[in-house]
Amino acid sequence: MAVPPSTTLPQAFQHGHHIFVYCHIRSNQTIYSLTRAMKNTTSLKQLPFLGKKTVPPALRKDLWTPLCLLSFPSPHLGLSVFRKLREYRRLHETSYPLSLVTQTSGPHAGQLLPKKKRGHLLMDQKANSVADMAAVLLQQATPPSEQELRVARWKVRTDGRPLAKRGQGKQRSADALTIRGSVQGVRIRWANIMDAEYAETWPQEVVHDALEVHRYGAAWPPAPPLVPREQVLAEEVMAEAEEGGGEVPEGGRPAVVNA
């Protein structure tokens, strides 16, 4: 039985409003999730193979702890940030300078580190993830240039992929660029507020707060208060009356203006 849409549904639980970031307590691997509970089928795909025993066969709840929770005012902004964070993390783990995995001292100076040490070094992505969050939000706070908008519109026109039969389909690049320009309303809740120091700078509009941690996971984000349908309809009627020039009495019903 389908549930009918309701105006009282809290927006905090819509897909893309929140990004849950989890960190491994031993290896400092990070996983981004759009849901409070991590799933093996989707979360393990984020961990690349860097050597033997670098990808666990299954996620253990006692080894993964919440790092932070990112909350966004709109789901489109959250999904855009989620995509960029995963792309940046994949670059850190697969496209890195050789100087990072090269021995600098000792009799084997100038040679690559052993495979096991290289894997442990590349698995530690906690600091990089925090720095990526700041970089993505700083990029999001910068409005797109005219050249970027022209290139995005050209990609949309030359895109030969068919649109989805149901729904609005995937968001096009031109629409994604129009989201940029402001990070007002973005809030980051940290399990340890000192982890935010891994990044050099943060946008001034971003609010940092403490995260309440439950057993084996982060607490549910606070949902906005429910608004009754009657109140929403009354506000719409009052807004239409004000635009039409009618008088709005104290009872909330607009006065009828005789022609």
Protein backbone atom coordinates (compact mmCIF):
# COMPACT_ATOMS: atom_id res chain seq x y z
CA MET A 1 0.00 0.00 0.00
CA ALA A 2 1.52 3.30 -1.08
CA VAL A 3 1.82 6.04 1.49
CA PRO A 4 0.27 9.31 0.24
CA PRO A 5 2.51 12.38 0.29
CA SER A 6 2.13 14.62 3.29
CA THR A 7 3.21 18.16 4.01
CA THR A 8 4.12 17.17 7.56
CA LEU A 9 6.99 14.87 6.48
CA PRO A 10 10.22 16.17 8.09
CA GLN A 11 12.78 17.18 5.50
CA ALA A 12 15.67 15.93 7.67
CA PHE A 13 15.02 12.34 6.62
CA GLN A 14 14.96 12.94 2.89
CA HIS A 15 17.68 11.28 0.80
CA GLY A 16 20.76 13.52 0.61
CA HIS A 17 20.13 15.81 3.57
CA HIS A 18 22.78 14.06 5.69
CA ILE A 19 26.15 12.40 5.08
CA PHE A 20 27.40 10.01 7.78
CA VAL A 21 31.18 9.62 7.88
CA TYR A 22 32.61 6.56 9.65
CA CYS A 23 36.25 5.86 10.51
CA HIS A 24 38.04 2.58 11.29
CA ILE A 25 39.57 2.70 14.76
CA ARG A 26 42.73 0.78 13.70
CA SER A 27 43.49 1.66 10.09
CA ASN A 28 41.77 5.11 9.92
CA GLN A 29 39.91 4.12 6.76
CA THR A 30 36.86 6.27 6.07
CA ILE A 31 33.45 5.45 4.59
CA TYR A 32 30.79 7.92 3.46
CA SER A 33 27.19 6.85 3.85
CA LEU A 34 23.85 8.49 3.09
CA THR A 35 22.18 6.33 5.72
CA ARG A 36 22.81 5.97 9.43
CA ALA A 37 23.57 2.24 9.13
CA MET A 38 26.41 1.15 6.85
CA LYS A 39 25.65 -1.60 4.34
CA ASN A 40 28.19 -4.17 3.19
CA THR A 41 27.05 -4.10 -0.44
CA THR A 42 27.63 -0.37 -0.89
CA SER A 43 30.17 0.56 1.79
CA LEU A 44 32.79 -2.09 0.94
CA LYS A 45 32.88 -0.86 -2.66
CA GLN A 46 34.42 2.39 -1.41
CA LEU A 47 37.51 0.56 -0.07
CA PRO A 48 40.07 -0.21 -2.83
CA PHE A 49 42.32 -3.24 -2.73
CA LEU A 50 45.74 -2.05 -1.52
CA GLY A 51 47.20 -5.40 -0.56
CA LYS A 52 46.43 -8.45 1.48
CA LYS A 53 43.84 -7.91 4.25
CA THR A 54 43.24 -4.26 3.30
CA VAL A 55 39.56 -4.88 2.45
CA PRO A 56 37.59 -6.69 5.17
CA PRO A 57 35.12 -9.41 4.12
CA ALA A 58 32.39 -7.69 6.14
CA LEU A 59 31.94 -4.55 8.23
CA ARG A 60 32.23 -5.01 11.99
CA LYS A 61 30.27 -2.49 14.01
CA ASP A 62 32.75 -2.60 16.89
CA LEU A 63 35.62 -1.45 14.62
CA TRP A 64 33.89 1.46 12.87
CA THR A 65 33.14 4.62 14.82
CA PRO A 66 31.36 7.81 13.66
CA LEU A 67 33.73 10.57 12.58
CA CYS A 68 31.22 13.33 11.81
CA LEU A 69 27.79 14.05 10.40
CA LEU A 70 27.28 16.61 7.63
CA SER A 71 23.81 18.18 7.36
CA PHE A 72 22.68 20.21 4.34
CA PRO A 73 19.64 22.43 3.77
CA SER A 74 18.80 20.73 0.44
CA PRO A 75 19.25 17.15 -0.80
CA HIS A 76 20.76 18.30 -4.11
CA LEU A 77 23.61 20.03 -2.28
CA GLY A 78 24.22 16.98 -0.11
CA LEU A 79 24.35 14.58 -3.06
CA SER A 80 26.74 16.88 -4.93
CA VAL A 81 29.11 17.03 -1.94
CA PHE A 82 28.81 13.26 -1.44
CA ARG A 83 29.90 12.58 -5.01
CA LYS A 84 32.90 14.91 -4.78
CA LEU A 85 34.06 13.46 -1.47
CA ARG A 86 34.09 9.95 -2.91
CA GLU A 87 35.99 11.10 -5.98
CA TYR A 88 38.64 12.91 -3.94
CA ARG A 89 39.10 9.94 -1.61
CA ARG A 90 39.57 7.59 -4.56
CA LEU A 91 42.28 9.91 -5.93
CA HIS A 92 44.11 9.86 -2.59
CA GLU A 93 44.17 6.07 -2.59
CA THR A 94 44.99 5.39 -6.24
CA SER A 95 46.75 8.51 -7.62
CA TYR A 96 49.42 9.53 -5.14
CA PRO A 97 53.02 10.82 -5.55
CA LEU A 98 55.81 8.25 -5.35
CA SER A 99 57.54 10.32 -2.68
CA LEU A 100 54.73 9.33 -0.31
CA VAL A 101 55.66 5.63 -0.47
CA THR A 102 59.44 6.02 -0.81
CA GLN A 103 61.91 5.46 2.00
CA THR A 104 63.81 8.61 2.88
CA SER A 105 66.46 7.23 5.24
CA GLY A 106 68.30 4.06 6.03
CA PRO A 107 70.19 1.64 3.82
CA HIS A 108 67.21 1.36 1.45
CA ALA A 109 66.74 5.11 0.96
CA GLY A 110 65.16 5.94 -2.39
CA GLN A 111 63.41 2.58 -2.69
CA LEU A 112 59.71 1.91 -2.35
CA LEU A 113 58.31 0.84 0.99
CA PRO A 114 57.34 -2.81 1.41
CA LYS A 115 53.91 -3.71 0.10
CA LYS A 116 52.45 -4.16 3.59
CA LYS A 117 53.65 -0.76 4.81
CA ARG A 118 52.42 0.91 1.62
CA GLY A 119 48.98 -0.57 2.18
CA HIS A 120 48.81 0.62 5.80
CA LEU A 121 50.00 4.08 4.78
CA LEU A 122 47.40 4.46 2.04
CA MET A 123 44.62 3.12 4.23
CA ASP A 124 45.02 6.05 6.64
CA GLN A 125 42.61 8.55 5.05
CA LYS A 126 41.20 10.26 8.14
CA ALA A 127 43.16 13.50 7.75
CA ASN A 128 42.62 13.56 3.99
CA SER A 129 38.87 13.10 4.41
CA VAL A 130 38.59 16.07 6.77
CA ALA A 131 40.68 18.21 4.42
CA ASP A 132 38.49 17.12 1.49
CA MET A 133 35.36 18.22 3.35
CA ALA A 134 36.77 21.71 3.83
CA ALA A 135 37.98 21.89 0.22
CA VAL A 136 34.62 20.78 -1.21
CA LEU A 137 32.68 23.24 0.95
CA LEU A 138 35.06 26.08 0.01
CA GLN A 139 34.55 25.20 -3.65
CA GLN A 140 30.81 25.04 -3.08
CA ALA A 141 30.84 28.52 -1.53
CA THR A 142 32.42 29.96 -4.71
CA PRO A 143 29.85 30.76 -7.44
CA PRO A 144 30.56 29.20 -10.87
CA SER A 145 32.14 31.32 -13.56
CA GLU A 146 30.53 32.07 -16.91
CA GLN A 147 32.95 29.73 -18.67
CA GLU A 148 31.99 26.83 -16.39
CA LEU A 149 28.31 27.48 -17.04
CA ARG A 150 28.86 27.54 -20.82
CA VAL A 151 30.80 24.27 -20.73
CA ALA A 152 28.12 22.64 -18.56
CA ARG A 153 25.33 23.75 -20.90
CA TRP A 154 27.29 22.44 -23.89
CA LYS A 155 27.67 19.04 -22.19
CA VAL A 156 23.93 18.91 -21.54
CA ARG A 157 23.11 19.68 -25.19
CA THR A 158 25.55 17.09 -26.53
CA ASP A 159 24.56 14.41 -24.02
CA GLY A 160 22.95 11.57 -25.94
CA ARG A 161 21.83 9.56 -22.93
CA PRO A 162 18.06 8.99 -22.80
CA LEU A 163 16.13 10.50 -19.93
CA ALA A 164 14.62 8.32 -17.25
CA LYS A 165 11.09 7.07 -17.93
CA ARG A 166 10.06 7.73 -14.34
CA GLY A 167 10.97 10.64 -12.14
CA GLN A 168 13.28 13.47 -13.03
CA GLY A 169 16.29 11.25 -13.73
CA LYS A 170 19.85 12.10 -12.83
CA GLN A 171 20.78 15.68 -12.21
CA ARG A 172 22.47 17.30 -15.17
CA SER A 173 25.78 19.14 -14.85
CA ALA A 174 24.26 22.56 -15.60
CA ASP A 175 21.75 22.17 -12.79
CA ALA A 176 24.49 20.99 -10.43
CA LEU A 177 26.52 24.15 -11.09
CA THR A 178 23.58 26.38 -10.23
CA ILE A 179 23.64 24.94 -6.69
CA ARG A 180 27.08 26.45 -6.07
CA GLY A 181 27.49 29.86 -4.50
CA SER A 182 26.45 29.40 -0.87
CA VAL A 183 26.90 26.95 1.99
CA GLN A 184 24.46 28.72 4.29
CA GLY A 185 22.75 26.22 6.55
CA VAL A 186 25.48 23.55 6.39
CA ARG A 187 26.24 22.05 9.81
CA ILE A 188 28.95 19.55 10.75
CA ARG A 189 28.63 17.58 13.98
CA TRP A 190 31.91 16.02 15.14
CA ALA A 191 32.41 13.05 17.44
CA ASN A 192 35.72 14.74 18.38
CA ILE A 193 35.73 18.45 17.63
CA MET A 194 39.53 18.44 17.45
CA ASP A 195 39.37 16.42 14.21
CA ALA A 196 38.28 19.60 12.43
CA GLU A 197 41.85 20.90 12.89
CA TYR A 198 43.06 18.58 10.13
CA ALA A 199 41.79 21.18 7.65
CA GLU A 200 43.49 24.57 7.33
CA THR A 201 40.41 26.70 6.69
CA TRP A 202 36.64 26.26 6.70
CA PRO A 203 33.93 28.47 5.19
CA GLN A 204 32.60 30.99 7.70
CA GLU A 205 28.99 29.93 7.05
CA VAL A 206 29.61 26.34 8.16
CA VAL A 207 28.54 25.64 11.76
CA HIS A 208 30.55 23.10 13.80
CA ASP A 209 28.92 21.26 16.66
CA ALA A 210 29.30 18.13 18.79
CA LEU A 211 27.85 14.80 17.69
CA GLU A 212 26.04 12.53 20.08
CA VAL A 213 27.33 8.99 19.57
CA HIS A 214 25.24 5.93 20.36
CA ARG A 215 26.51 2.39 20.54
CA TYR A 216 27.96 1.29 17.18
CA GLY A 217 26.71 4.37 15.38
CA ALA A 218 25.83 8.03 15.31
CA ALA A 219 22.68 9.39 16.87
CA TRP A 220 19.77 10.33 14.67
CA PRO A 221 20.03 13.94 13.46
CA PRO A 222 17.51 16.30 15.03
CA ALA A 223 14.47 16.62 12.80
CA PRO A 224 12.67 19.94 12.29
CA PRO A 225 9.35 20.30 14.11
CA LEU A 226 6.36 18.90 12.28
CA VAL A 227 4.06 21.48 10.75
CA PRO A 228 0.35 20.54 10.68
CA ARG A 229 -1.39 20.63 7.33
CA GLU A 230 -3.95 23.15 8.63
CA GLN A 231 -1.20 25.60 9.54
CA VAL A 232 0.42 25.26 6.12
CA LEU A 233 -2.88 25.92 4.35
CA ALA A 234 -3.64 28.90 6.60
CA GLU A 235 -0.24 30.44 5.83
CA GLU A 236 -0.80 29.99 2.09
CA VAL A 237 -4.23 31.66 2.30
CA MET A 238 -2.79 34.56 4.26
CA ALA A 239 0.06 35.00 1.77
CA GLU A 240 -2.39 35.08 -1.16
CA ALA A 241 -4.56 37.60 0.66
CA GLU A 242 -1.61 39.90 1.30
CA GLU A 243 -0.54 39.72 -2.34
CA GLY A 244 -4.10 40.47 -3.47
CA GLY A 245 -4.46 43.48 -1.20
CA GLY A 246 -7.01 41.97 1.18
CA GLU A 247 -7.02 42.56 4.91
CA VAL A 248 -5.94 39.70 7.14
CA PRO A 249 -7.71 39.74 10.51
CA GLU A 250 -6.31 38.36 13.75
CA GLY A 251 -8.15 35.06 13.30
CA GLY A 252 -6.02 34.24 10.25
CA ARG A 253 -8.86 34.32 7.66
CA PRO A 254 -8.52 36.94 4.93
CA ALA A 255 -11.26 39.47 4.63
CA VAL A 256 -13.28 39.39 1.43
CA VAL A 257 -12.77 42.44 -0.72
CA ASN A 258 -15.95 43.43 -2.56
CA ALA A 259 -15.52 44.40 -6.17
